[in-house]
Amino acid sequence: MSDVEIRLVGADEWGLWREVRLRALQDAPTAFGSTYDREAAFTEADWRGRLGGEEPAVLAVHEGRAVGLTAGFSDRPGWLHVVAMWVDPDWRGNGIGRRLLDRVVVWAGEHGLRAHLDVTVGNDAARRLYEDYGFVGTGETEPLREGSPHRIERMRLRRDMSDH
C-alpha cells in the first residue's frame, strides 16, 4: 500500500509509538515478551528512552495513524534482534509486515548486522510471514516470558542482507 509510510522514528514520536504499541499488546498478548499492564504504566521519559537510542524503531503510518511497528536491538555480537513486530488487524494482508521487515533488515545490513527474531510457537500467521521473508527456525525455544505457558522459537534470516 503506497499510501502507508514506513519510517524510522525517534524520541519525539513517542506518543504515536506508545499508542500503537499498547494496541499491539492488547491485540496480541502472547506475541510479546512484555505486557500491556507493564507498558501502560510507562512514563513519557520511559517511552522517549526506548526510542532515543541508536537502534531502529520503525512505524507504518497512514494519514497520521500508526498501523504497524517493529524495532530492533543488538543482543548478540553481529546480530540485530527484531522485536515488537505487529500490524493492525485491519491492515494485515497488505504487505505492511514485509515492508516493516524490509526497513529494519536494511538498517541491520547497513550496520553490519544479521537479523534474527522470536516467534511464538503456534502463531502460524506470523511464522508464515517470517518464513516467506527468508527467516528459518533454529529449533531454539524458551518461555515467552517468566510465568508464561507460551514458548517462542528463535528464527534467523538465511539470506544475505544485500538481497534486499
Protein backbone atom coordinates (compact mmCIF):
# COMPACT_ATOMS: atom_id res chain seq x y z
CA MET A 1 0.00 0.00 0.00
CA SER A 2 1.77 3.07 -1.24
CA ASP A 3 -0.25 5.40 0.99
CA VAL A 4 1.31 3.81 4.08
CA GLU A 5 4.62 5.40 5.02
CA ILE A 6 7.27 3.18 6.60
CA ARG A 7 9.70 5.29 8.60
CA LEU A 8 12.28 5.25 11.32
CA VAL A 9 11.15 7.22 14.36
CA GLY A 10 12.86 8.75 17.34
CA ALA A 11 12.02 10.01 20.80
CA ASP A 12 9.92 12.93 19.52
CA GLU A 13 7.34 10.48 18.17
CA TRP A 14 6.96 8.68 21.49
CA GLY A 15 3.19 9.38 21.66
CA LEU A 16 2.49 7.74 18.31
CA TRP A 17 4.75 4.80 19.22
CA ARG A 18 3.06 4.42 22.63
CA GLU A 19 -0.42 4.37 21.11
CA VAL A 20 0.34 1.65 18.57
CA ARG A 21 2.49 -0.38 20.95
CA LEU A 22 -0.30 -0.50 23.53
CA ARG A 23 -2.79 -1.53 20.81
CA ALA A 24 -0.39 -4.30 19.78
CA LEU A 25 -0.03 -5.57 23.34
CA GLN A 26 -3.83 -5.67 23.73
CA ASP A 27 -4.41 -7.34 20.35
CA ALA A 28 -1.70 -10.00 20.65
CA PRO A 29 -0.74 -10.50 24.31
CA THR A 30 1.02 -13.81 23.57
CA ALA A 31 3.22 -12.34 20.83
CA PHE A 32 5.42 -10.15 23.01
CA GLY A 33 7.85 -10.53 25.86
CA SER A 34 6.16 -7.60 27.63
CA THR A 35 2.58 -6.96 28.75
CA TYR A 36 0.01 -4.22 28.29
CA ASP A 37 -0.16 -3.54 32.06
CA ARG A 38 3.60 -3.14 32.29
CA GLU A 39 3.91 -0.74 29.37
CA ALA A 40 0.70 1.21 30.08
CA ALA A 41 2.45 2.34 33.27
CA PHE A 42 5.47 3.75 31.37
CA THR A 43 6.06 7.48 31.65
CA GLU A 44 6.86 9.81 28.79
CA ALA A 45 10.52 9.57 29.84
CA ASP A 46 10.35 5.76 29.58
CA TRP A 47 8.95 5.94 26.04
CA ARG A 48 11.43 8.59 24.97
CA GLY A 49 14.25 6.49 26.42
CA ARG A 50 13.17 3.47 24.40
CA LEU A 51 13.14 5.49 21.19
CA GLY A 52 16.08 7.77 21.83
CA GLY A 53 18.91 5.36 21.18
CA GLU A 54 20.85 4.38 18.10
CA GLU A 55 18.85 1.25 17.36
CA PRO A 56 15.92 1.18 14.92
CA ALA A 57 12.27 1.83 15.74
CA VAL A 58 10.02 1.70 12.67
CA LEU A 59 6.40 2.73 12.23
CA ALA A 60 3.91 2.16 9.42
CA VAL A 61 1.78 5.31 9.27
CA HIS A 62 -1.39 6.01 7.29
CA GLU A 63 -2.88 9.52 7.42
CA GLY A 64 -1.20 10.26 10.75
CA ARG A 65 -2.25 6.99 12.41
CA ALA A 66 0.25 4.23 13.13
CA VAL A 67 -0.92 0.90 11.69
CA GLY A 68 2.17 -1.18 12.40
CA LEU A 69 5.54 -1.19 14.10
CA THR A 70 8.76 -3.04 14.63
CA ALA A 71 12.10 -2.34 16.26
CA GLY A 72 15.45 -3.94 16.85
CA PHE A 73 18.31 -4.07 19.29
CA SER A 74 21.72 -5.68 19.21
CA ASP A 75 21.60 -8.54 21.69
CA ARG A 76 24.43 -10.74 20.39
CA PRO A 77 27.64 -9.74 18.65
CA GLY A 78 26.89 -9.28 14.94
CA TRP A 79 23.11 -9.62 15.32
CA LEU A 80 20.06 -7.36 15.42
CA HIS A 81 17.13 -8.84 17.34
CA VAL A 82 13.92 -7.79 15.55
CA VAL A 83 11.22 -7.14 18.14
CA ALA A 84 7.79 -5.54 18.60
CA MET A 85 6.64 -6.68 15.14
CA TRP A 86 2.90 -6.02 14.72
CA VAL A 87 0.41 -4.87 12.08
CA ASP A 88 -3.10 -3.65 12.90
CA PRO A 89 -5.59 -6.45 12.07
CA ASP A 90 -7.46 -4.14 9.66
CA TRP A 91 -4.24 -3.68 7.67
CA ARG A 92 -2.94 -7.25 7.57
CA GLY A 93 -2.54 -8.89 4.18
CA ASN A 94 -1.45 -5.65 2.50
CA GLY A 95 2.31 -6.20 2.58
CA ILE A 96 2.90 -3.89 5.54
CA GLY A 97 4.60 -6.59 7.61
CA ARG A 98 7.03 -7.26 4.79
CA ARG A 99 7.74 -3.54 4.38
CA LEU A 100 8.38 -3.18 8.11
CA LEU A 101 10.77 -6.12 7.96
CA ASP A 102 12.46 -4.60 4.90
CA ARG A 103 13.18 -1.37 6.77
CA VAL A 104 14.61 -3.00 9.89
CA VAL A 105 16.58 -5.64 7.93
CA VAL A 106 18.08 -2.97 5.66
CA TRP A 107 19.03 -0.98 8.78
CA ALA A 108 20.72 -4.10 10.18
CA GLY A 109 22.64 -4.63 6.94
CA GLU A 110 23.76 -1.00 6.88
CA HIS A 111 25.20 -1.55 10.35
CA GLY A 112 26.90 -4.85 9.55
CA LEU A 113 24.40 -6.94 11.48
CA ARG A 114 22.41 -10.05 10.64
CA ALA A 115 18.75 -10.24 11.70
CA HIS A 116 17.04 -12.71 13.99
CA LEU A 117 13.70 -12.69 15.79
CA ASP A 118 11.45 -14.76 18.01
CA VAL A 119 8.05 -16.13 17.06
CA THR A 120 5.51 -17.56 19.45
CA VAL A 121 5.10 -21.28 18.83
CA GLY A 122 1.62 -21.70 17.34
CA ASN A 123 1.45 -18.20 15.81
CA ASP A 124 1.25 -19.67 12.32
CA ALA A 125 0.41 -16.41 10.52
CA ALA A 126 3.50 -14.66 11.88
CA ARG A 127 5.66 -17.68 11.22
CA ARG A 128 4.45 -17.81 7.59
CA LEU A 129 5.32 -14.12 7.12
CA TYR A 130 8.80 -14.68 8.56
CA GLU A 131 9.43 -17.85 6.55
CA ASP A 132 8.20 -16.21 3.33
CA TYR A 133 10.60 -13.37 4.06
CA GLY A 134 13.52 -15.77 4.47
CA PHE A 135 13.74 -16.45 8.20
CA VAL A 136 14.34 -20.04 9.23
CA GLY A 137 13.67 -21.69 12.57
CA THR A 138 16.66 -22.57 14.68
CA GLY A 139 14.89 -25.04 16.97
CA GLU A 140 15.97 -22.88 19.95
CA THR A 141 12.94 -22.31 22.18
CA GLU A 142 12.34 -20.66 25.53
CA PRO A 143 9.38 -19.33 27.52
CA LEU A 144 7.75 -16.19 26.11
CA ARG A 145 8.31 -14.51 29.47
CA GLU A 146 8.55 -15.59 33.08
CA GLY A 147 5.40 -17.41 34.15
CA SER A 148 4.02 -17.76 30.62
CA PRO A 149 2.91 -21.15 29.30
CA HIS A 150 3.75 -19.96 25.76
CA ARG A 151 7.09 -20.66 24.09
CA ILE A 152 8.99 -18.73 21.46
CA GLU A 153 11.37 -20.02 18.82
CA ARG A 154 14.35 -18.07 17.54
CA MET A 155 14.44 -17.61 13.76
CA ARG A 156 17.34 -16.17 11.78
CA LEU A 157 17.39 -14.56 8.36
CA ARG A 158 19.01 -17.04 5.99
CA ARG A 159 19.63 -14.57 3.17
CA ASP A 160 22.46 -12.14 2.90
CA MET A 161 21.43 -8.56 3.70
CA SER A 162 22.36 -7.48 0.18
CA ASP A 163 19.33 -9.40 -1.14
CA HIS A 164 17.14 -6.53 -0.02
